[in-house]
C-alpha atoms as a PDB file:
ATOM      1  CA  MET A   1     139.160  60.582  -5.195  1.00  0.00           C
ATOM      2  CA  GLY A   2     142.637  62.083  -5.692  1.00  0.00           C
ATOM      3  CA  LYS A   3     143.667  65.706  -5.409  1.00  0.00           C
ATOM      4  CA  LEU A   4     140.821  68.215  -5.497  1.00  0.00           C
ATOM      5  CA  MET A   5     140.970  71.432  -7.496  1.00  0.00           C
ATOM      6  CA  THR A   6     139.362  74.821  -7.188  1.00  0.00           C
ATOM      7  CA  ILE A   7     137.413  76.129 -10.166  1.00  0.00           C
ATOM      8  CA  GLY A   8     140.370  78.350 -11.079  1.00  0.00           C
ATOM      9  CA  GLN A   9     142.806  75.425 -11.049  1.00  0.00           C
ATOM     10  CA  LEU A  10     140.427  73.311 -13.125  1.00  0.00           C
ATOM     11  CA  ALA A  11     139.921  76.160 -15.605  1.00  0.00           C
ATOM     12  CA  ARG A  12     143.686  76.452 -16.112  1.00  0.00           C
ATOM     13  CA  ARG A  13     144.053  72.693 -16.660  1.00  0.00           C
ATOM     14  CA  VAL A  14     141.404  72.608 -19.395  1.00  0.00           C
ATOM     15  CA  ALA A  15     142.223  76.069 -20.828  1.00  0.00           C
ATOM     16  CA  MET A  16     138.695  77.402 -20.353  1.00  0.00           C
ATOM     17  CA  PRO A  17     137.489  80.560 -18.591  1.00  0.00           C
ATOM     18  CA  THR A  18     135.960  80.079 -15.139  1.00  0.00           C
ATOM     19  CA  SER A  19     132.779  81.755 -16.406  1.00  0.00           C
ATOM     20  CA  THR A  20     132.317  78.885 -18.885  1.00  0.00           C
ATOM     21  CA  LEU A  21     132.752  76.309 -16.118  1.00  0.00           C
ATOM     22  CA  ARG A  22     130.212  78.105 -13.943  1.00  0.00           C
ATOM     23  CA  TYR A  23     127.757  78.126 -16.855  1.00  0.00           C
ATOM     24  CA  TYR A  24     128.300  74.415 -17.457  1.00  0.00           C
ATOM     25  CA  GLU A  25     127.538  73.777 -13.815  1.00  0.00           C
ATOM     26  CA  LYS A  26     124.420  75.946 -14.030  1.00  0.00           C
ATOM     27  CA  VAL A  27     123.039  73.940 -16.990  1.00  0.00           C
ATOM     28  CA  GLY A  28     123.854  70.582 -15.403  1.00  0.00           C
ATOM     29  CA  LEU A  29     126.963  69.546 -17.324  1.00  0.00           C
ATOM     30  CA  LEU A  30     129.495  69.878 -14.513  1.00  0.00           C
ATOM     31  CA  GLU A  31     129.197  68.852 -10.869  1.00  0.00           C
ATOM     32  CA  PRO A  32     131.622  69.680  -8.019  1.00  0.00           C
ATOM     33  CA  ALA A  33     132.950  66.698  -6.085  1.00  0.00           C
ATOM     34  CA  SER A  34     132.660  68.562  -2.771  1.00  0.00           C
ATOM     35  CA  ARG A  35     133.038  71.964  -1.167  1.00  0.00           C
ATOM     36  CA  SER A  36     135.747  73.421   1.035  1.00  0.00           C
ATOM     37  CA  HIS A  37     135.134  74.538   4.603  1.00  0.00           C
ATOM     38  CA  SER A  38     134.735  78.033   3.193  1.00  0.00           C
ATOM     39  CA  GLY A  39     132.076  76.873   0.735  1.00  0.00           C
ATOM     40  CA  TYR A  40     134.204  76.941  -2.415  1.00  0.00           C
ATOM     41  CA  ARG A  41     133.483  74.330  -5.086  1.00  0.00           C
ATOM     42  CA  LEU A  42     136.107  71.595  -5.416  1.00  0.00           C
ATOM     43  CA  TYR A  43     136.519  69.321  -8.429  1.00  0.00           C
ATOM     44  CA  ASP A  44     138.262  65.990  -8.971  1.00  0.00           C
ATOM     45  CA  SER A  45     139.870  64.445 -12.076  1.00  0.00           C
ATOM     46  CA  ASP A  46     136.445  63.258 -13.279  1.00  0.00           C
ATOM     47  CA  ALA A  47     135.496  66.889 -13.863  1.00  0.00           C
ATOM     48  CA  GLU A  48     138.454  67.321 -16.206  1.00  0.00           C
ATOM     49  CA  GLN A  49     137.357  64.256 -18.178  1.00  0.00           C
ATOM     50  CA  VAL A  50     133.806  65.620 -18.377  1.00  0.00           C
ATOM     51  CA  LEU A  51     135.043  68.953 -19.730  1.00  0.00           C
ATOM     52  CA  THR A  52     137.217  67.192 -22.326  1.00  0.00           C
ATOM     53  CA  PHE A  53     134.139  65.215 -23.380  1.00  0.00           C
ATOM     54  CA  VAL A  54     131.998  68.388 -23.563  1.00  0.00           C
ATOM     55  CA  HIS A  55     134.615  70.192 -25.646  1.00  0.00           C
ATOM     56  CA  ARG A  56     135.006  67.270 -28.046  1.00  0.00           C
ATOM     57  CA  ALA A  57     131.223  66.861 -28.439  1.00  0.00           C
ATOM     58  CA  GLN A  58     130.834  70.583 -29.135  1.00  0.00           C
ATOM     59  CA  ARG A  59     133.537  70.429 -31.815  1.00  0.00           C
ATOM     60  CA  ILE A  60     131.482  67.933 -33.802  1.00  0.00           C
ATOM     61  CA  GLY A  61     128.306  69.946 -33.537  1.00  0.00           C
ATOM     62  CA  PHE A  62     126.330  68.591 -30.580  1.00  0.00           C
ATOM     63  CA  SER A  63     124.354  71.169 -28.628  1.00  0.00           C
ATOM     64  CA  LEU A  64     124.734  71.560 -24.868  1.00  0.00           C
ATOM     65  CA  ALA A  65     121.294  69.982 -24.455  1.00  0.00           C
ATOM     66  CA  ASP A  66     122.474  66.969 -26.476  1.00  0.00           C
ATOM     67  CA  ILE A  67     125.654  66.740 -24.422  1.00  0.00           C
ATOM     68  CA  ARG A  68     123.639  66.820 -21.204  1.00  0.00           C
ATOM     69  CA  HIS A  69     121.721  63.746 -22.434  1.00  0.00           C
ATOM     70  CA  PHE A  70     125.012  61.975 -23.128  1.00  0.00           C
ATOM     71  CA  LEU A  71     126.458  62.802 -19.703  1.00  0.00           C
ATOM     72  CA  THR A  72     123.270  61.726 -17.943  1.00  0.00           C
ATOM     73  CA  ALA A  73     123.414  58.413 -19.815  1.00  0.00           C
ATOM     74  CA  ILE A  74     127.077  57.948 -18.880  1.00  0.00           C
ATOM     75  CA  ARG A  75     126.393  58.638 -15.216  1.00  0.00           C
ATOM     76  CA  LYS A  76     123.461  56.203 -15.229  1.00  0.00           C
ATOM     77  CA  ASP A  77     125.396  53.609 -17.266  1.00  0.00           C
ATOM     78  CA  ALA A  78     122.707  53.829 -19.954  1.00  0.00           C
ATOM     79  CA  LEU A  79     124.721  54.560 -23.082  1.00  0.00           C
ATOM     80  CA  LEU A  80     122.179  52.749 -25.266  1.00  0.00           C
ATOM     81  CA  ASP A  81     119.329  54.894 -24.043  1.00  0.00           C
ATOM     82  CA  GLU A  82     116.948  55.444 -26.964  1.00  0.00           C
ATOM     83  CA  THR A  83     117.185  59.248 -26.762  1.00  0.00           C
ATOM     84  CA  VAL A  84     120.992  59.139 -26.828  1.00  0.00           C
ATOM     85  CA  VAL A  85     120.962  56.861 -29.876  1.00  0.00           C
ATOM     86  CA  GLU A  86     118.482  59.133 -31.667  1.00  0.00           C
ATOM     87  CA  ILE A  87     120.614  62.217 -30.947  1.00  0.00           C
ATOM     88  CA  ALA A  88     123.765  60.525 -32.249  1.00  0.00           C
ATOM     89  CA  GLU A  89     122.007  59.207 -35.341  1.00  0.00           C
ATOM     90  CA  GLN A  90     120.530  62.616 -36.134  1.00  0.00           C
ATOM     91  CA  ARG A  91     123.893  64.347 -35.845  1.00  0.00           C
ATOM     92  CA  TYR A  92     125.471  61.707 -38.096  1.00  0.00           C
ATOM     93  CA  LEU A  93     122.716  62.227 -40.663  1.00  0.00           C
ATOM     94  CA  ASP A  94     123.233  66.000 -40.523  1.00  0.00           C
ATOM     95  CA  VAL A  95     126.942  65.588 -41.237  1.00  0.00           C
ATOM     96  CA  GLU A  96     126.284  63.042 -43.980  1.00  0.00           C
ATOM     97  CA  ARG A  97     123.810  65.441 -45.565  1.00  0.00           C
ATOM     98  CA  GLN A  98     126.434  68.177 -45.664  1.00  0.00           C
ATOM     99  CA  LEU A  99     128.961  65.787 -47.177  1.00  0.00           C
ATOM    100  CA  VAL A 100     126.525  64.627 -49.841  1.00  0.00           C
ATOM    101  CA  GLU A 101     125.772  68.249 -50.783  1.00  0.00           C
ATOM    102  CA  ARG A 102     129.453  68.904 -51.283  1.00  0.00           C
ATOM    103  CA  ARG A 103     130.062  65.649 -53.137  1.00  0.00           C
ATOM    104  CA  ALA A 104     127.149  66.463 -55.426  1.00  0.00           C
ATOM    105  CA  MET A 105     128.552  69.938 -56.071  1.00  0.00           C
ATOM    106  CA  GLN A 106     131.996  68.464 -56.809  1.00  0.00           C
ATOM    107  CA  HIS A 107     130.436  65.940 -59.176  1.00  0.00           C
ATOM    108  CA  GLU A 108     128.437  68.617 -60.972  1.00  0.00           C
ATOM    109  CA  LEU A 109     131.510  70.845 -61.221  1.00  0.00           C
ATOM    110  CA  GLY A 110     133.387  67.984 -62.897  1.00  0.00           C
ATOM    111  CA  LEU A 111     130.549  67.473 -65.349  1.00  0.00           C
ATOM    112  CA  PHE A 112     130.366  71.205 -66.025  1.00  0.00           C
ATOM    113  CA  LEU A 113     134.097  71.421 -66.749  1.00  0.00           C
ATOM    114  CA  ARG A 114     134.040  68.404 -69.062  1.00  0.00           C
ATOM    115  CA  ASP A 115     130.999  69.762 -70.912  1.00  0.00           C
ATOM    116  CA  TYR A 116     132.654  73.127 -71.262  1.00  0.00           C
ATOM    117  CA  ARG A 117     135.775  71.463 -72.645  1.00  0.00           C
ATOM    118  CA  ARG A 118     133.658  69.660 -75.266  1.00  0.00           C
ATOM    119  CA  ARG A 119     132.263  73.025 -76.335  1.00  0.00           C
ATOM    120  CA  LEU A 120     135.764  74.448 -76.571  1.00  0.00           C
ATOM    121  CA  ALA A 121     136.818  71.438 -78.651  1.00  0.00           C
ATOM    122  CA  GLU A 122     134.490  72.686 -81.375  1.00  0.00           C
ATOM    123  CA  ASP A 123     136.638  75.795 -81.679  1.00  0.00           C
ATOM    124  CA  ARG A 124     140.291  74.829 -81.307  1.00  0.00           C
ATOM    125  CA  SER A 125     141.282  78.329 -82.435  1.00  0.00           C
ATOM    126  CA  SER A 126     140.394  79.616 -78.979  1.00  0.00           C
ATOM    127  CA  PRO A 127     143.583  80.423 -76.996  1.00  0.00           C
ATOM    128  CA  ALA A 128     141.811  79.169 -73.866  1.00  0.00           C
ATOM    129  CA  ALA A 129     141.293  75.648 -75.226  1.00  0.00           C
ATOM    130  CA  GLY A 130     144.739  74.317 -74.255  1.00  0.00           C
ATOM    131  CA  LEU A 131     144.632  75.901 -70.803  1.00  0.00           C
ATOM    132  CA  PHE A 132     141.189  74.481 -70.141  1.00  0.00           C
ATOM    133  CA  ASP A 133     142.286  71.018 -71.276  1.00  0.00           C
ATOM    134  CA  ARG A 134     145.053  71.078 -68.657  1.00  0.00           C
ATOM    135  CA  LEU A 135     142.628  72.263 -65.963  1.00  0.00           C
ATOM    136  CA  VAL A 136     140.186  69.422 -66.690  1.00  0.00           C
ATOM    137  CA  GLU A 137     143.046  66.893 -66.754  1.00  0.00           C
ATOM    138  CA  ARG A 138     144.167  68.041 -63.314  1.00  0.00           C
ATOM    139  CA  VAL A 139     140.765  68.272 -61.682  1.00  0.00           C
ATOM    140  CA  CYS A 140     138.911  65.456 -63.429  1.00  0.00           C
ATOM    141  CA  GLY A 141     141.781  63.164 -64.349  1.00  0.00           C
ATOM    142  CA  GLY A 142     140.780  63.420 -68.018  1.00  0.00           C
ATOM    143  CA  HIS A 143     138.218  60.635 -67.612  1.00  0.00           C
ATOM    144  CA  ALA A 144     134.447  60.420 -67.658  1.00  0.00           C
ATOM    145  CA  HIS A 145     134.248  59.384 -64.000  1.00  0.00           C
ATOM    146  CA  GLU A 146     134.479  61.578 -60.927  1.00  0.00           C
ATOM    147  CA  PRO A 147     137.912  62.979 -60.057  1.00  0.00           C
ATOM    148  CA  THR A 148     139.997  60.887 -57.670  1.00  0.00           C
ATOM    149  CA  SER A 149     140.849  62.455 -54.337  1.00  0.00           C
ATOM    150  CA  ALA A 150     144.579  61.814 -54.811  1.00  0.00           C
ATOM    151  CA  SER A 151     144.895  63.564 -58.195  1.00  0.00           C
ATOM    152  CA  SER A 152     142.738  66.496 -57.104  1.00  0.00           C
ATOM    153  CA  LEU A 153     144.638  66.873 -53.851  1.00  0.00           C
ATOM    154  CA  ASN A 154     148.051  66.772 -55.515  1.00  0.00           C
ATOM    155  CA  TRP A 155     146.994  69.482 -57.917  1.00  0.00           C
ATOM    156  CA  LEU A 156     145.580  71.635 -55.110  1.00  0.00           C
ATOM    157  CA  LEU A 157     148.759  71.276 -53.027  1.00  0.00           C
ATOM    158  CA  GLU A 158     150.981  72.189 -55.961  1.00  0.00           C
ATOM    159  CA  LYS A 159     148.730  75.059 -57.000  1.00  0.00           C
ATOM    160  CA  ALA A 160     148.865  76.525 -53.483  1.00  0.00           C
ATOM    161  CA  GLY A 161     152.613  76.020 -53.220  1.00  0.00           C
ATOM    162  CA  CYS A 162     152.094  73.745 -50.236  1.00  0.00           C
ATOM    163  CA  ASN A 163     155.171  71.816 -49.062  1.00  0.00           C
ATOM    164  CA  LEU A 164     153.011  68.761 -48.341  1.00  0.00           C
ATOM    165  CA  ALA A 165     153.043  68.055 -52.082  1.00  0.00           C
ATOM    166  CA  GLY A 166     156.696  66.994 -51.860  1.00  0.00           C
ATOM    167  CA  LEU A 167     156.323  64.461 -49.037  1.00  0.00           C
ATOM    168  CA  ASP A 168     156.782  60.728 -49.611  1.00  0.00           C
ATOM    169  CA  ARG A 169     153.176  59.591 -49.273  1.00  0.00           C
ATOM    170  CA  GLU A 170     154.009  55.867 -49.278  1.00  0.00           C
ATOM    171  CA  THR A 171     156.264  56.245 -46.244  1.00  0.00           C
ATOM    172  CA  LEU A 172     153.620  58.261 -44.406  1.00  0.00           C
ATOM    173  CA  VAL A 173     150.894  55.760 -45.277  1.00  0.00           C
ATOM    174  CA  ARG A 174     152.993  52.893 -43.907  1.00  0.00           C
ATOM    175  CA  ALA A 175     153.661  54.805 -40.695  1.00  0.00           C
ATOM    176  CA  LEU A 176     150.039  55.866 -40.175  1.00  0.00           C
ATOM    177  CA  SER A 177     148.280  52.844 -41.729  1.00  0.00           C
ATOM    178  CA  GLY A 178     145.310  51.644 -39.697  1.00  0.00           C
ATOM    179  CA  ARG A 179     145.537  54.642 -37.380  1.00  0.00           C
ATOM    180  CA  HIS A 180     142.399  56.723 -37.035  1.00  0.00           C
ATOM    181  CA  PHE A 181     142.506  60.371 -36.130  1.00  0.00           C
ATOM    182  CA  HIS A 182     140.146  63.168 -35.154  1.00  0.00           C
ATOM    183  CA  LEU A 183     139.786  66.215 -37.389  1.00  0.00           C
ATOM    184  CA  TRP A 184     137.715  69.291 -36.692  1.00  0.00           C
ATOM    185  CA  ARG A 185     137.130  72.794 -38.036  1.00  0.00           C
ATOM    186  CA  THR A 186     138.319  75.646 -35.863  1.00  0.00           C
ATOM    187  CA  GLU A 187     137.362  79.293 -36.132  1.00  0.00           C
ATOM    188  CA  ASP A 188     140.073  80.025 -38.692  1.00  0.00           C
ATOM    189  CA  GLY A 189     141.498  76.656 -39.716  1.00  0.00           C
ATOM    190  CA  TYR A 190     141.629  72.948 -38.856  1.00  0.00           C
ATOM    191  CA  SER A 191     143.018  70.757 -36.091  1.00  0.00           C
ATOM    192  CA  VAL A 192     144.008  67.100 -36.356  1.00  0.00           C
ATOM    193  CA  LEU A 193     144.460  64.845 -33.330  1.00  0.00           C
ATOM    194  CA  ILE A 194     146.576  61.684 -33.676  1.00  0.00           C
ATOM    195  CA  PRO A 195     145.808  59.581 -30.565  1.00  0.00           C
ATOM    196  CA  HIS A 196     148.823  58.009 -28.827  1.00  0.00           C
ATOM    197  CA  PRO A 197     151.299  57.842 -31.729  1.00  0.00           C
ATOM    198  CA  ASP A 198     154.102  55.245 -31.588  1.00  0.00           C
ATOM    199  CA  ALA A 199     157.747  55.826 -32.598  1.00  0.00           C
ATOM    200  CA  GLN A 200     157.105  55.236 -36.321  1.00  0.00           C
ATOM    201  CA  ALA A 201     154.060  57.477 -36.363  1.00  0.00           C
ATOM    202  CA  GLU A 202     155.922  60.136 -34.349  1.00  0.00           C
ATOM    203  CA  ALA A 203     158.650  60.222 -37.002  1.00  0.00           C
ATOM    204  CA  ALA A 204     156.032  60.653 -39.734  1.00  0.00           C
ATOM    205  CA  LEU A 205     154.309  63.457 -37.849  1.00  0.00           C
ATOM    206  CA  LYS A 206     157.623  65.242 -37.283  1.00  0.00           C
ATOM    207  CA  ALA A 207     158.328  64.985 -41.008  1.00  0.00           C
ATOM    208  CA  ILE A 208     154.988  66.640 -41.747  1.00  0.00           C
ATOM    209  CA  ALA A 209     155.613  69.344 -39.149  1.00  0.00           C
ATOM    210  CA  GLY A 210     159.120  69.870 -40.514  1.00  0.00           C
ATOM    211  CA  VAL A 211     158.050  70.644 -44.070  1.00  0.00           C
ATOM    212  CA  GLU A 212     155.177  72.760 -42.821  1.00  0.00           C
ATOM    213  CA  ALA A 213     157.417  74.886 -40.605  1.00  0.00           C
ATOM    214  CA  ASP A 214     158.363  77.157 -43.523  1.00  0.00           C
ATOM    215  CA  CYS A 215     155.354  76.557 -45.778  1.00  0.00           C
ATOM    216  CA  HIS A 216     153.986  79.760 -47.301  1.00  0.00           C
ATOM    217  CA  ALA A 217     150.561  78.205 -47.992  1.00  0.00           C
ATOM    218  CA  HIS A 218     149.659  78.000 -44.304  1.00  0.00           C
ATOM    219  CA  PRO A 219     152.615  79.096 -42.148  1.00  0.00           C
ATOM    220  CA  THR A 220     150.819  79.058 -38.804  1.00  0.00           C
ATOM    221  CA  LEU A 221     151.004  75.342 -38.014  1.00  0.00           C
ATOM    222  CA  GLN A 222     151.214  74.454 -34.328  1.00  0.00           C
ATOM    223  CA  LEU A 223     152.244  71.005 -33.102  1.00  0.00           C
ATOM    224  CA  SER A 224     151.552  70.107 -29.482  1.00  0.00           C
ATOM    225  CA  LYS A 225     151.458  67.006 -27.324  1.00  0.00           C
ATOM    226  CA  GLN A 226     148.540  66.508 -24.973  1.00  0.00           C
ATOM    227  CA  GLU A 227     147.239  63.646 -22.879  1.00  0.00           C
ATOM    228  CA  GLU A 228     144.960  62.628 -25.756  1.00  0.00           C
ATOM    229  CA  GLY A 229     147.832  62.486 -28.257  1.00  0.00           C
ATOM    230  CA  THR A 230     149.522  64.810 -30.770  1.00  0.00           C
ATOM    231  CA  ILE A 231     147.551  67.750 -32.149  1.00  0.00           C
ATOM    232  CA  PHE A 232     148.271  69.632 -35.369  1.00  0.00           C
ATOM    233  CA  SER A 233     146.554  72.996 -35.738  1.00  0.00           C
ATOM    234  CA  VAL A 234     146.706  75.022 -38.941  1.00  0.00           C
ATOM    235  CA  ARG A 235     145.214  78.451 -39.507  1.00  0.00           C
ATOM    236  CA  GLY A 236     144.452  80.400 -42.640  1.00  0.00           C
ATOM    237  CA  ASP A 237     142.277  80.233 -45.736  1.00  0.00           C
ATOM    238  CA  LYS A 238     144.268  77.268 -47.131  1.00  0.00           C
ATOM    239  CA  ALA A 239     144.085  75.183 -43.960  1.00  0.00           C
ATOM    240  CA  PHE A 240     141.558  72.917 -45.668  1.00  0.00           C
ATOM    241  CA  LEU A 241     144.453  71.527 -47.748  1.00  0.00           C
ATOM    242  CA  PHE A 242     146.032  70.221 -44.557  1.00  0.00           C
ATOM    243  CA  ALA A 243     142.752  68.564 -43.580  1.00  0.00           C
ATOM    244  CA  GLU A 244     142.394  67.066 -47.067  1.00  0.00           C
ATOM    245  CA  PHE A 245     145.946  65.725 -46.855  1.00  0.00           C
ATOM    246  CA  PHE A 246     145.228  63.788 -43.664  1.00  0.00           C
ATOM    247  CA  LEU A 247     141.903  62.523 -44.976  1.00  0.00           C
ATOM    248  CA  ALA A 248     143.657  61.270 -48.104  1.00  0.00           C
ATOM    249  CA  LEU A 249     146.299  59.521 -45.991  1.00  0.00           C
ATOM    250  CA  GLU A 250     143.592  57.701 -44.062  1.00  0.00           C
ATOM    251  CA  ASP A 251     141.852  56.692 -47.301  1.00  0.00           C
ATOM    252  CA  GLU A 252     145.096  55.387 -48.780  1.00  0.00           C
ATOM    253  CA  ALA A 253     145.940  53.471 -45.600  1.00  0.00           C
ATOM    254  CA  ALA A 254     142.538  51.766 -45.738  1.00  0.00           C
ATOM    255  CA  VAL A 255     143.148  50.375 -49.249  1.00  0.00           C
END
């Protein structure tokens, strides 16, 4: 069973308040391994893994009731339980729906900008015509199709004065090619987890952290190593650029 922990020790290991752990136990998410002679709850390493699972599932939008279904299935070795599958499918559909809404808005924005440029073209005397042409070129690539993620991202990074714009993308893609990562929204930014990076990936991540250390676009980057891997956390209203950068890297690596 290994070394047992009190609720306070477990709370410190997972960086959660003891009140949260007690609530999780109350709603059936957490179970003590045993009790001390004095009646105190004692937890083993499995409890830490459960709490990591709960935290990760919450980050991607599952409710505590959903998570309880998952944990029950894990404990009963019934991961393909019909209810579990339905919960996972529904959450995936919810996320996909949100993505489609945003893609549709991006598409319509591109169409709107191109249509507006055509109207401006009828009056080339307008001082705004040249400026608008450059905007449409940057955002829409100057073509009739939807804007590419790479061209849009480069423009956004440069516009925000983000140091990521100057990084050698090809080198980073080679280092991170085929490597999946976890990305989630925090209260005031984004976090990216790179699971178990190797030496080449570590060098790439340090390069990213290095240029971000004095970046004025989002200067509150934090880089930390945990058992799961390396975590980047960025705060601020431009943190989405950091998330977009990693998403673009993954897309480029998949080509």
